[in-house]
C-alpha atoms as a PDB file:
ATOM      1  CA  MET A   1     -55.529 -14.904  28.594  1.00  0.00           C
ATOM      2  CA  GLY A   2     -53.080 -17.471  27.305  1.00  0.00           C
ATOM      3  CA  TRP A   3     -52.904 -15.556  24.032  1.00  0.00           C
ATOM      4  CA  LEU A   4     -52.160 -12.331  25.912  1.00  0.00           C
ATOM      5  CA  ASN A   5     -49.500 -13.988  28.026  1.00  0.00           C
ATOM      6  CA  SER A   6     -47.742 -15.417  24.975  1.00  0.00           C
ATOM      7  CA  ASN A   7     -47.748 -12.022  23.252  1.00  0.00           C
ATOM      8  CA  SER A   8     -46.456 -10.275  26.347  1.00  0.00           C
ATOM      9  CA  ALA A   9     -43.680 -12.861  26.670  1.00  0.00           C
ATOM     10  CA  ALA A  10     -42.689 -12.373  23.043  1.00  0.00           C
ATOM     11  CA  ALA A  11     -42.748  -8.616  23.479  1.00  0.00           C
ATOM     12  CA  SER A  12     -40.523  -8.837  26.555  1.00  0.00           C
ATOM     13  CA  VAL A  13     -37.898 -10.712  24.508  1.00  0.00           C
ATOM     14  CA  TYR A  14     -37.654  -7.890  21.960  1.00  0.00           C
ATOM     15  CA  ASP A  15     -37.906  -5.113  24.591  1.00  0.00           C
ATOM     16  CA  ASP A  16     -35.012  -6.530  26.595  1.00  0.00           C
ATOM     17  CA  PRO A  17     -31.958  -4.390  25.639  1.00  0.00           C
ATOM     18  CA  PHE A  18     -29.577  -7.256  26.431  1.00  0.00           C
ATOM     19  CA  ARG A  19     -31.262  -9.684  24.057  1.00  0.00           C
ATOM     20  CA  ARG A  20     -30.830  -9.640  20.324  1.00  0.00           C
ATOM     21  CA  PRO A  21     -33.699 -10.502  18.024  1.00  0.00           C
ATOM     22  CA  PRO A  22     -33.297 -13.764  16.115  1.00  0.00           C
ATOM     23  CA  PRO A  23     -31.304 -13.340  12.869  1.00  0.00           C
ATOM     24  CA  GLN A  24     -33.341 -13.038   9.728  1.00  0.00           C
ATOM     25  CA  LYS A  25     -32.288 -14.664   6.502  1.00  0.00           C
ATOM     26  CA  THR A  26     -31.664 -12.349   3.565  1.00  0.00           C
ATOM     27  CA  PRO A  27     -33.938 -13.239   0.649  1.00  0.00           C
ATOM     28  CA  TYR A  28     -32.027 -14.375  -2.404  1.00  0.00           C
ATOM     29  CA  PHE A  29     -33.833 -11.972  -4.711  1.00  0.00           C
ATOM     30  CA  GLY A  30     -34.335  -8.993  -2.399  1.00  0.00           C
ATOM     31  CA  ARG A  31     -32.630  -5.632  -2.613  1.00  0.00           C
ATOM     32  CA  LYS A  32     -29.901  -6.802  -0.225  1.00  0.00           C
ATOM     33  CA  SER A  33     -29.383 -10.148  -1.875  1.00  0.00           C
ATOM     34  CA  PRO A  34     -25.750 -11.248  -2.431  1.00  0.00           C
ATOM     35  CA  LEU A  35     -26.787 -12.663  -5.793  1.00  0.00           C
ATOM     36  CA  ILE A  36     -27.724  -9.191  -7.020  1.00  0.00           C
ATOM     37  CA  ASP A  37     -24.374  -7.810  -5.866  1.00  0.00           C
ATOM     38  CA  MET A  38     -22.539 -10.595  -7.661  1.00  0.00           C
ATOM     39  CA  ALA A  39     -24.583 -10.030 -10.804  1.00  0.00           C
ATOM     40  CA  MET A  40     -23.791  -6.291 -10.754  1.00  0.00           C
ATOM     41  CA  LEU A  41     -20.089  -7.026 -10.300  1.00  0.00           C
ATOM     42  CA  ALA A  42     -20.170  -9.503 -13.187  1.00  0.00           C
ATOM     43  CA  LEU A  43     -21.903  -6.927 -15.387  1.00  0.00           C
ATOM     44  CA  LEU A  44     -19.318  -4.289 -14.502  1.00  0.00           C
ATOM     45  CA  LEU A  45     -16.378  -6.595 -15.252  1.00  0.00           C
ATOM     46  CA  GLY A  46     -18.075  -7.709 -18.472  1.00  0.00           C
ATOM     47  CA  ALA A  47     -18.599  -4.088 -19.531  1.00  0.00           C
ATOM     48  CA  ILE A  48     -14.913  -3.292 -18.913  1.00  0.00           C
ATOM     49  CA  ALA A  49     -13.831  -6.361 -20.908  1.00  0.00           C
ATOM     50  CA  TRP A  50     -16.239  -5.468 -23.724  1.00  0.00           C
ATOM     51  CA  LEU A  51     -14.993  -1.865 -23.894  1.00  0.00           C
ATOM     52  CA  THR A  52     -11.389  -3.085 -24.007  1.00  0.00           C
ATOM     53  CA  PHE A  53     -12.178  -5.553 -26.770  1.00  0.00           C
ATOM     54  CA  MET A  54     -14.158  -3.006 -28.808  1.00  0.00           C
ATOM     55  CA  GLY A  55     -11.415  -0.411 -28.426  1.00  0.00           C
ATOM     56  CA  ALA A  56      -8.807  -2.883 -29.631  1.00  0.00           C
ATOM     57  CA  SER A  57     -11.065  -3.903 -32.535  1.00  0.00           C
ATOM     58  CA  ALA A  58     -11.513  -0.280 -33.557  1.00  0.00           C
ATOM     59  CA  MET A  59      -7.731   0.041 -33.646  1.00  0.00           C
ATOM     60  CA  HIS A  60      -7.502  -3.196 -35.672  1.00  0.00           C
ATOM     61  CA  TYR A  61      -5.293  -4.558 -32.932  1.00  0.00           C
ATOM     62  CA  ASN A  62      -3.893  -8.049 -33.392  1.00  0.00           C
ATOM     63  CA  TRP A  63      -3.906  -9.906 -30.060  1.00  0.00           C
ATOM     64  CA  GLN A  64      -0.792 -12.031 -29.499  1.00  0.00           C
ATOM     65  CA  TRP A  65      -1.178 -13.520 -26.046  1.00  0.00           C
ATOM     66  CA  TYR A  66       0.698 -16.639 -27.119  1.00  0.00           C
ATOM     67  CA  ARG A  67       3.913 -14.585 -27.270  1.00  0.00           C
ATOM     68  CA  VAL A  68       3.697 -13.207 -23.720  1.00  0.00           C
ATOM     69  CA  GLY A  69       4.895 -16.365 -21.956  1.00  0.00           C
ATOM     70  CA  ARG A  70       8.415 -16.186 -23.340  1.00  0.00           C
ATOM     71  CA  TYR A  71       8.874 -12.748 -21.754  1.00  0.00           C
ATOM     72  CA  LEU A  72       7.923 -14.153 -18.357  1.00  0.00           C
ATOM     73  CA  TRP A  73      10.048 -17.302 -18.353  1.00  0.00           C
ATOM     74  CA  ARG A  74      11.291 -20.120 -20.548  1.00  0.00           C
ATOM     75  CA  THR A  75      12.347 -23.692 -19.961  1.00  0.00           C
ATOM     76  CA  VAL A  76      15.378 -24.840 -21.935  1.00  0.00           C
ATOM     77  CA  ASP A  77      16.586 -28.425 -21.408  1.00  0.00           C
ATOM     78  CA  GLY A  78      14.660 -28.544 -18.141  1.00  0.00           C
ATOM     79  CA  GLN A  79      16.307 -25.357 -16.872  1.00  0.00           C
ATOM     80  CA  PHE A  80      14.179 -22.421 -15.729  1.00  0.00           C
ATOM     81  CA  ILE A  81      15.227 -19.158 -17.420  1.00  0.00           C
ATOM     82  CA  PRO A  82      13.444 -15.994 -16.239  1.00  0.00           C
ATOM     83  CA  GLY A  83      12.323 -13.567 -18.902  1.00  0.00           C
ATOM     84  CA  PRO A  84      12.802  -9.795 -18.880  1.00  0.00           C
ATOM     85  CA  ILE A  85       9.541  -9.177 -17.007  1.00  0.00           C
ATOM     86  CA  LEU A  86      10.513 -11.456 -14.111  1.00  0.00           C
ATOM     87  CA  LEU A  87      14.033 -10.020 -14.082  1.00  0.00           C
ATOM     88  CA  GLY A  88      12.524  -6.540 -13.892  1.00  0.00           C
ATOM     89  CA  LEU A  89      10.227  -7.736 -11.100  1.00  0.00           C
ATOM     90  CA  GLY A  90      13.316  -8.757  -9.141  1.00  0.00           C
ATOM     91  CA  VAL A  91      14.724  -5.226  -9.505  1.00  0.00           C
ATOM     92  CA  THR A  92      11.354  -3.824  -8.394  1.00  0.00           C
ATOM     93  CA  PHE A  93      11.543  -5.966  -5.263  1.00  0.00           C
ATOM     94  CA  GLU A  94      15.091  -4.753  -4.578  1.00  0.00           C
ATOM     95  CA  ILE A  95      14.033  -1.114  -4.913  1.00  0.00           C
ATOM     96  CA  THR A  96      10.998  -1.704  -2.717  1.00  0.00           C
ATOM     97  CA  ALA A  97      12.933  -3.521   0.018  1.00  0.00           C
ATOM     98  CA  ALA A  98      15.622  -0.829   0.260  1.00  0.00           C
ATOM     99  CA  SER A  99      13.025   1.943   0.110  1.00  0.00           C
ATOM    100  CA  ILE A 100      10.920   0.405   2.895  1.00  0.00           C
ATOM    101  CA  VAL A 101      13.865   0.439   5.314  1.00  0.00           C
ATOM    102  CA  LEU A 102      14.796   4.038   4.496  1.00  0.00           C
ATOM    103  CA  THR A 103      11.148   5.140   4.518  1.00  0.00           C
ATOM    104  CA  ILE A 104      10.643   3.861   8.065  1.00  0.00           C
ATOM    105  CA  LEU A 105      13.912   5.446   9.263  1.00  0.00           C
ATOM    106  CA  ILE A 106      13.117   8.803   7.640  1.00  0.00           C
ATOM    107  CA  GLY A 107       9.550   8.706   8.940  1.00  0.00           C
ATOM    108  CA  LEU A 108      10.661   7.877  12.483  1.00  0.00           C
ATOM    109  CA  VAL A 109      13.328  10.598  12.584  1.00  0.00           C
ATOM    110  CA  THR A 110      10.947  13.190  11.137  1.00  0.00           C
ATOM    111  CA  ALA A 111       8.209  12.254  13.620  1.00  0.00           C
ATOM    112  CA  LEU A 112      10.610  12.580  16.562  1.00  0.00           C
ATOM    113  CA  LEU A 113      11.829  15.940  15.247  1.00  0.00           C
ATOM    114  CA  ARG A 114       8.263  17.233  15.027  1.00  0.00           C
ATOM    115  CA  MET A 115       7.527  16.025  18.556  1.00  0.00           C
ATOM    116  CA  SER A 116      10.690  17.549  20.044  1.00  0.00           C
ATOM    117  CA  ASN A 117      10.840  20.802  21.970  1.00  0.00           C
ATOM    118  CA  SER A 118      13.483  22.269  19.663  1.00  0.00           C
ATOM    119  CA  PHE A 119      12.273  25.033  17.352  1.00  0.00           C
ATOM    120  CA  SER A 120      14.994  24.240  14.800  1.00  0.00           C
ATOM    121  CA  ALA A 121      14.064  20.559  14.718  1.00  0.00           C
ATOM    122  CA  LYS A 122      10.369  21.317  14.246  1.00  0.00           C
ATOM    123  CA  PHE A 123      11.133  23.893  11.559  1.00  0.00           C
ATOM    124  CA  LEU A 124      13.400  21.510   9.644  1.00  0.00           C
ATOM    125  CA  ALA A 125      10.833  18.688   9.770  1.00  0.00           C
ATOM    126  CA  THR A 126       7.995  21.009   8.735  1.00  0.00           C
ATOM    127  CA  VAL A 127       9.929  22.386   5.766  1.00  0.00           C
ATOM    128  CA  TYR A 128      10.763  18.848   4.630  1.00  0.00           C
ATOM    129  CA  LEU A 129       7.122  17.750   4.852  1.00  0.00           C
ATOM    130  CA  GLU A 130       5.745  20.810   3.073  1.00  0.00           C
ATOM    131  CA  VAL A 131       8.275  20.653   0.234  1.00  0.00           C
ATOM    132  CA  ILE A 132       7.953  16.914  -0.387  1.00  0.00           C
ATOM    133  CA  ARG A 133       4.172  16.666  -0.055  1.00  0.00           C
ATOM    134  CA  ASN A 134       3.449  19.705  -2.224  1.00  0.00           C
ATOM    135  CA  THR A 135       5.625  18.888  -5.239  1.00  0.00           C
ATOM    136  CA  PRO A 136       5.059  16.109  -7.807  1.00  0.00           C
ATOM    137  CA  LEU A 137       6.978  12.877  -7.380  1.00  0.00           C
ATOM    138  CA  LEU A 138       8.193  13.025 -10.987  1.00  0.00           C
ATOM    139  CA  VAL A 139       9.732  16.466 -10.432  1.00  0.00           C
ATOM    140  CA  GLN A 140      11.424  15.216  -7.269  1.00  0.00           C
ATOM    141  CA  LEU A 141      12.846  12.251  -9.161  1.00  0.00           C
ATOM    142  CA  TYR A 142      14.361  14.546 -11.803  1.00  0.00           C
ATOM    143  CA  ILE A 143      15.850  16.766  -9.084  1.00  0.00           C
ATOM    144  CA  PHE A 144      17.388  13.750  -7.370  1.00  0.00           C
ATOM    145  CA  TYR A 145      18.680  12.379 -10.671  1.00  0.00           C
ATOM    146  CA  PHE A 146      20.087  15.571 -12.242  1.00  0.00           C
ATOM    147  CA  VAL A 147      21.062  17.512  -9.097  1.00  0.00           C
ATOM    148  CA  VAL A 148      21.431  15.387  -5.963  1.00  0.00           C
ATOM    149  CA  GLY A 149      22.841  12.274  -7.646  1.00  0.00           C
ATOM    150  CA  PRO A 150      25.778  13.991  -9.424  1.00  0.00           C
ATOM    151  CA  ILE A 151      26.626  16.006  -6.303  1.00  0.00           C
ATOM    152  CA  ILE A 152      26.709  12.987  -3.995  1.00  0.00           C
ATOM    153  CA  GLY A 153      28.032  10.656  -6.683  1.00  0.00           C
ATOM    154  CA  ILE A 154      25.589   7.765  -6.331  1.00  0.00           C
ATOM    155  CA  PRO A 155      24.286   5.428  -9.081  1.00  0.00           C
ATOM    156  CA  ARG A 156      20.802   5.787 -10.506  1.00  0.00           C
ATOM    157  CA  PHE A 157      19.491   2.787  -8.558  1.00  0.00           C
ATOM    158  CA  TRP A 158      20.103   4.557  -5.252  1.00  0.00           C
ATOM    159  CA  VAL A 159      18.818   7.819  -6.711  1.00  0.00           C
ATOM    160  CA  GLY A 160      15.468   6.105  -7.260  1.00  0.00           C
ATOM    161  CA  VAL A 161      15.560   4.514  -3.807  1.00  0.00           C
ATOM    162  CA  LEU A 162      16.317   7.825  -2.076  1.00  0.00           C
ATOM    163  CA  CYS A 163      13.629   9.685  -4.004  1.00  0.00           C
ATOM    164  CA  LEU A 164      10.964   7.093  -3.171  1.00  0.00           C
ATOM    165  CA  SER A 165      12.108   6.937   0.458  1.00  0.00           C
ATOM    166  CA  PHE A 166      11.940  10.685   1.015  1.00  0.00           C
ATOM    167  CA  PHE A 167       8.559  10.888  -0.712  1.00  0.00           C
ATOM    168  CA  GLU A 168       6.927   8.033   1.188  1.00  0.00           C
ATOM    169  CA  GLY A 169       8.787   8.984   4.379  1.00  0.00           C
ATOM    170  CA  SER A 170       6.811  12.230   4.509  1.00  0.00           C
ATOM    171  CA  PHE A 171       3.603  10.209   4.808  1.00  0.00           C
ATOM    172  CA  ALA A 172       5.124   7.623   7.118  1.00  0.00           C
ATOM    173  CA  SER A 173       6.235  10.352   9.527  1.00  0.00           C
ATOM    174  CA  GLU A 174       2.664  11.506  10.108  1.00  0.00           C
ATOM    175  CA  ILE A 175       1.534   7.922  10.633  1.00  0.00           C
ATOM    176  CA  ILE A 176       4.285   7.323  13.186  1.00  0.00           C
ATOM    177  CA  ARG A 177       3.658  10.649  14.926  1.00  0.00           C
ATOM    178  CA  ALA A 178      -0.061   9.927  15.218  1.00  0.00           C
ATOM    179  CA  GLY A 179       0.689   6.477  16.628  1.00  0.00           C
ATOM    180  CA  LEU A 180       3.132   7.845  19.206  1.00  0.00           C
ATOM    181  CA  GLN A 181       0.750  10.586  20.267  1.00  0.00           C
ATOM    182  CA  SER A 182      -2.083   8.075  20.660  1.00  0.00           C
ATOM    183  CA  VAL A 183      -0.252   6.483  23.603  1.00  0.00           C
ATOM    184  CA  PRO A 184      -1.730   7.920  26.819  1.00  0.00           C
ATOM    185  CA  ARG A 185       0.267  10.698  28.416  1.00  0.00           C
ATOM    186  CA  GLY A 186       0.383   8.750  31.656  1.00  0.00           C
ATOM    187  CA  GLN A 187       2.653   6.179  30.029  1.00  0.00           C
ATOM    188  CA  TYR A 188       5.229   8.879  29.322  1.00  0.00           C
ATOM    189  CA  GLU A 189       4.990  10.140  32.891  1.00  0.00           C
ATOM    190  CA  ALA A 190       5.263   6.620  34.326  1.00  0.00           C
ATOM    191  CA  ALA A 191       8.398   5.945  32.246  1.00  0.00           C
ATOM    192  CA  ASN A 192       9.935   9.180  33.539  1.00  0.00           C
ATOM    193  CA  ALA A 193       8.963   8.322  37.098  1.00  0.00           C
ATOM    194  CA  ILE A 194      10.902   5.041  37.092  1.00  0.00           C
ATOM    195  CA  GLY A 195      13.988   6.786  35.717  1.00  0.00           C
ATOM    196  CA  LEU A 196      14.084   5.513  32.133  1.00  0.00           C
ATOM    197  CA  SER A 197      16.169   7.439  29.645  1.00  0.00           C
ATOM    198  CA  ARG A 198      14.571   8.954  26.561  1.00  0.00           C
ATOM    199  CA  VAL A 199      15.763   6.090  24.340  1.00  0.00           C
ATOM    200  CA  ASP A 200      14.649   3.382  26.777  1.00  0.00           C
ATOM    201  CA  ARG A 201      11.308   5.131  27.268  1.00  0.00           C
ATOM    202  CA  PHE A 202      10.521   4.913  23.559  1.00  0.00           C
ATOM    203  CA  ARG A 203      12.072   1.462  23.187  1.00  0.00           C
ATOM    204  CA  PHE A 204      10.389  -0.363  26.086  1.00  0.00           C
ATOM    205  CA  VAL A 205       7.229   1.643  26.845  1.00  0.00           C
ATOM    206  CA  ILE A 206       5.996   3.831  23.979  1.00  0.00           C
ATOM    207  CA  LEU A 207       6.842   1.917  20.800  1.00  0.00           C
ATOM    208  CA  PRO A 208       5.397  -1.457  21.937  1.00  0.00           C
ATOM    209  CA  GLN A 209       2.052   0.283  22.486  1.00  0.00           C
ATOM    210  CA  ALA A 210       2.192   2.429  19.340  1.00  0.00           C
ATOM    211  CA  ILE A 211       3.286  -0.235  16.830  1.00  0.00           C
ATOM    212  CA  PRO A 212      -0.117  -2.042  16.716  1.00  0.00           C
ATOM    213  CA  LEU A 213      -1.704   1.289  15.773  1.00  0.00           C
ATOM    214  CA  ILE A 214       1.040   2.265  13.320  1.00  0.00           C
ATOM    215  CA  LEU A 215       1.276  -1.042  11.469  1.00  0.00           C
ATOM    216  CA  PRO A 216      -2.024  -1.036   9.482  1.00  0.00           C
ATOM    217  CA  PRO A 217      -1.640   2.428   7.870  1.00  0.00           C
ATOM    218  CA  MET A 218       2.092   1.849   7.439  1.00  0.00           C
ATOM    219  CA  THR A 219       1.333  -1.260   5.396  1.00  0.00           C
ATOM    220  CA  GLY A 220      -0.847   0.930   3.192  1.00  0.00           C
ATOM    221  CA  THR A 221       2.132   3.234   2.682  1.00  0.00           C
ATOM    222  CA  ILE A 222       4.221   0.224   1.640  1.00  0.00           C
ATOM    223  CA  ILE A 223       1.562  -0.674  -0.931  1.00  0.00           C
ATOM    224  CA  SER A 224       1.746   2.869  -2.273  1.00  0.00           C
ATOM    225  CA  LEU A 225       5.537   2.581  -2.416  1.00  0.00           C
ATOM    226  CA  ILE A 226       5.322  -0.603  -4.491  1.00  0.00           C
ATOM    227  CA  LYS A 227       3.048   1.118  -7.004  1.00  0.00           C
ATOM    228  CA  ASN A 228       5.076   4.328  -7.102  1.00  0.00           C
ATOM    229  CA  SER A 229       8.284   2.378  -7.733  1.00  0.00           C
ATOM    230  CA  ALA A 230       7.231   2.123 -11.397  1.00  0.00           C
ATOM    231  CA  ILE A 231       8.195   5.772 -11.838  1.00  0.00           C
ATOM    232  CA  VAL A 232      11.916   4.917 -11.701  1.00  0.00           C
ATOM    233  CA  SER A 233      11.572   3.717 -15.302  1.00  0.00           C
ATOM    234  CA  VAL A 234      11.928   7.344 -16.435  1.00  0.00           C
ATOM    235  CA  ILE A 235      15.581   7.306 -15.315  1.00  0.00           C
ATOM    236  CA  ALA A 236      16.225   3.961 -17.059  1.00  0.00           C
ATOM    237  CA  ILE A 237      16.389   1.701 -14.020  1.00  0.00           C
ATOM    238  CA  ALA A 238      15.766  -1.838 -15.253  1.00  0.00           C
ATOM    239  CA  ASP A 239      12.617  -2.495 -13.226  1.00  0.00           C
ATOM    240  CA  MET A 240       9.502  -4.264 -14.453  1.00  0.00           C
ATOM    241  CA  THR A 241       8.043  -1.138 -16.068  1.00  0.00           C
ATOM    242  CA  THR A 242      11.262  -0.503 -18.002  1.00  0.00           C
ATOM    243  CA  ALA A 243      11.265  -4.137 -19.149  1.00  0.00           C
ATOM    244  CA  ALA A 244       7.660  -3.717 -20.334  1.00  0.00           C
ATOM    245  CA  LEU A 245       8.560  -0.572 -22.292  1.00  0.00           C
ATOM    246  CA  ASN A 246      11.456  -2.360 -23.983  1.00  0.00           C
ATOM    247  CA  ILE A 247       9.265  -5.317 -24.916  1.00  0.00           C
ATOM    248  CA  ILE A 248       6.568  -3.068 -26.361  1.00  0.00           C
ATOM    249  CA  SER A 249       9.112  -1.147 -28.419  1.00  0.00           C
ATOM    250  CA  ASP A 250      10.262  -4.449 -29.960  1.00  0.00           C
ATOM    251  CA  THR A 251       6.935  -6.272 -30.380  1.00  0.00           C
ATOM    252  CA  PHE A 252       4.220  -3.547 -30.302  1.00  0.00           C
ATOM    253  CA  MET A 253       2.186  -5.760 -27.919  1.00  0.00           C
ATOM    254  CA  ALA A 254       1.013  -2.856 -25.764  1.00  0.00           C
ATOM    255  CA  PHE A 255      -2.261  -4.374 -24.589  1.00  0.00           C
ATOM    256  CA  GLU A 256      -0.869  -7.779 -23.658  1.00  0.00           C
ATOM    257  CA  VAL A 257       2.257  -6.496 -21.913  1.00  0.00           C
ATOM    258  CA  TRP A 258       0.586  -3.749 -19.879  1.00  0.00           C
ATOM    259  CA  LEU A 259      -2.279  -6.026 -18.823  1.00  0.00           C
ATOM    260  CA  THR A 260       0.279  -8.630 -17.735  1.00  0.00           C
ATOM    261  CA  VAL A 261       2.268  -6.059 -15.740  1.00  0.00           C
ATOM    262  CA  ALA A 262      -0.929  -4.749 -14.142  1.00  0.00           C
ATOM    263  CA  ALA A 263      -1.921  -8.301 -13.166  1.00  0.00           C
ATOM    264  CA  ILE A 264       1.488  -8.842 -11.516  1.00  0.00           C
ATOM    265  CA  TYR A 265       1.162  -5.621  -9.518  1.00  0.00           C
ATOM    266  CA  LEU A 266      -2.343  -6.689  -8.451  1.00  0.00           C
ATOM    267  CA  ALA A 267      -1.046 -10.106  -7.404  1.00  0.00           C
ATOM    268  CA  ILE A 268       1.411  -8.307  -5.100  1.00  0.00           C
ATOM    269  CA  THR A 269      -0.763  -5.518  -3.694  1.00  0.00           C
ATOM    270  CA  ILE A 270      -4.106  -7.310  -3.196  1.00  0.00           C
ATOM    271  CA  PRO A 271      -2.733  -9.780  -0.582  1.00  0.00           C
ATOM    272  CA  LEU A 272      -1.115  -6.828   1.178  1.00  0.00           C
ATOM    273  CA  SER A 273      -4.453  -4.986   1.138  1.00  0.00           C
ATOM    274  CA  VAL A 274      -6.164  -8.020   2.677  1.00  0.00           C
ATOM    275  CA  PHE A 275      -3.387  -8.130   5.283  1.00  0.00           C
ATOM    276  CA  VAL A 276      -4.012  -4.451   6.085  1.00  0.00           C
ATOM    277  CA  SER A 277      -7.716  -5.138   6.609  1.00  0.00           C
ATOM    278  CA  MET A 278      -6.900  -7.985   8.976  1.00  0.00           C
ATOM    279  CA  LEU A 279      -4.531  -5.762  10.961  1.00  0.00           C
ATOM    280  CA  GLU A 280      -7.118  -2.986  11.179  1.00  0.00           C
ATOM    281  CA  ASN A 281      -9.774  -5.402  12.429  1.00  0.00           C
ATOM    282  CA  ARG A 282      -7.405  -6.796  15.037  1.00  0.00           C
ATOM    283  CA  ALA A 283      -6.396  -3.294  16.167  1.00  0.00           C
ATOM    284  CA  ARG A 284     -10.077  -2.305  16.382  1.00  0.00           C
ATOM    285  CA  LYS A 285     -10.889  -5.367  18.503  1.00  0.00           C
ATOM    286  CA  GLY A 286      -7.873  -4.683  20.699  1.00  0.00           C
ATOM    287  CA  ARG A 287      -9.274  -1.300  21.628  1.00  0.00           C
END
């Protein structure tokens, strides 16, 4: 009887829906072992490195990593002198910062136009979205550079900023619109009931509730903007990609320079990606 009672007590623990079974340790050499995952990742990275090395060997490529440092920075008489890659990175940051501000403004205006009751506003926003999202970014950049820029009379730096802003703004507008529409309809009605104007309603009631939902995907759009900013090199803006092209044309160090530029982009975007994941987890817990 004691044996039956102990079994029944154990069974009641696992049958209780409010109790969780005790955690089980994952075996180190099972199918779900973290060691196996790490070994597979190491094999994949090793295979990529081996393919790169074999491809360079087949081309009889002469690796010159020792020359890369001078194009990043130099120290002369104790003074830090940035190289062309770091100078180009500064221009990339300038383009990105200006584009982020314009992207958010364009996205917000377009989202409000699509949510308005005006047929003309909706039509204008829809045409903008369809044209921008269904044409290549490179073609848009050439149109801005050869058509829009000369008409308005703006330098090539702002041509690149405007092109990136309008392109990424088309995606940001849908993110903002989805965030605004996710706010319960009762919040809009409550703001109207207490006599708030349209601007105050969005400023004090709607936006504070929508921003936590908008921020994670918007950060992903910013990451995309940072990567797409490399395309401005085709109109000779002195960003990091243009600096890399100039260095390669002088030294023929294609492998070293492009791998260095890729590593710099990764060093910028990976922390942002981790930040996006943290925001998404917090937003999911907040719900």
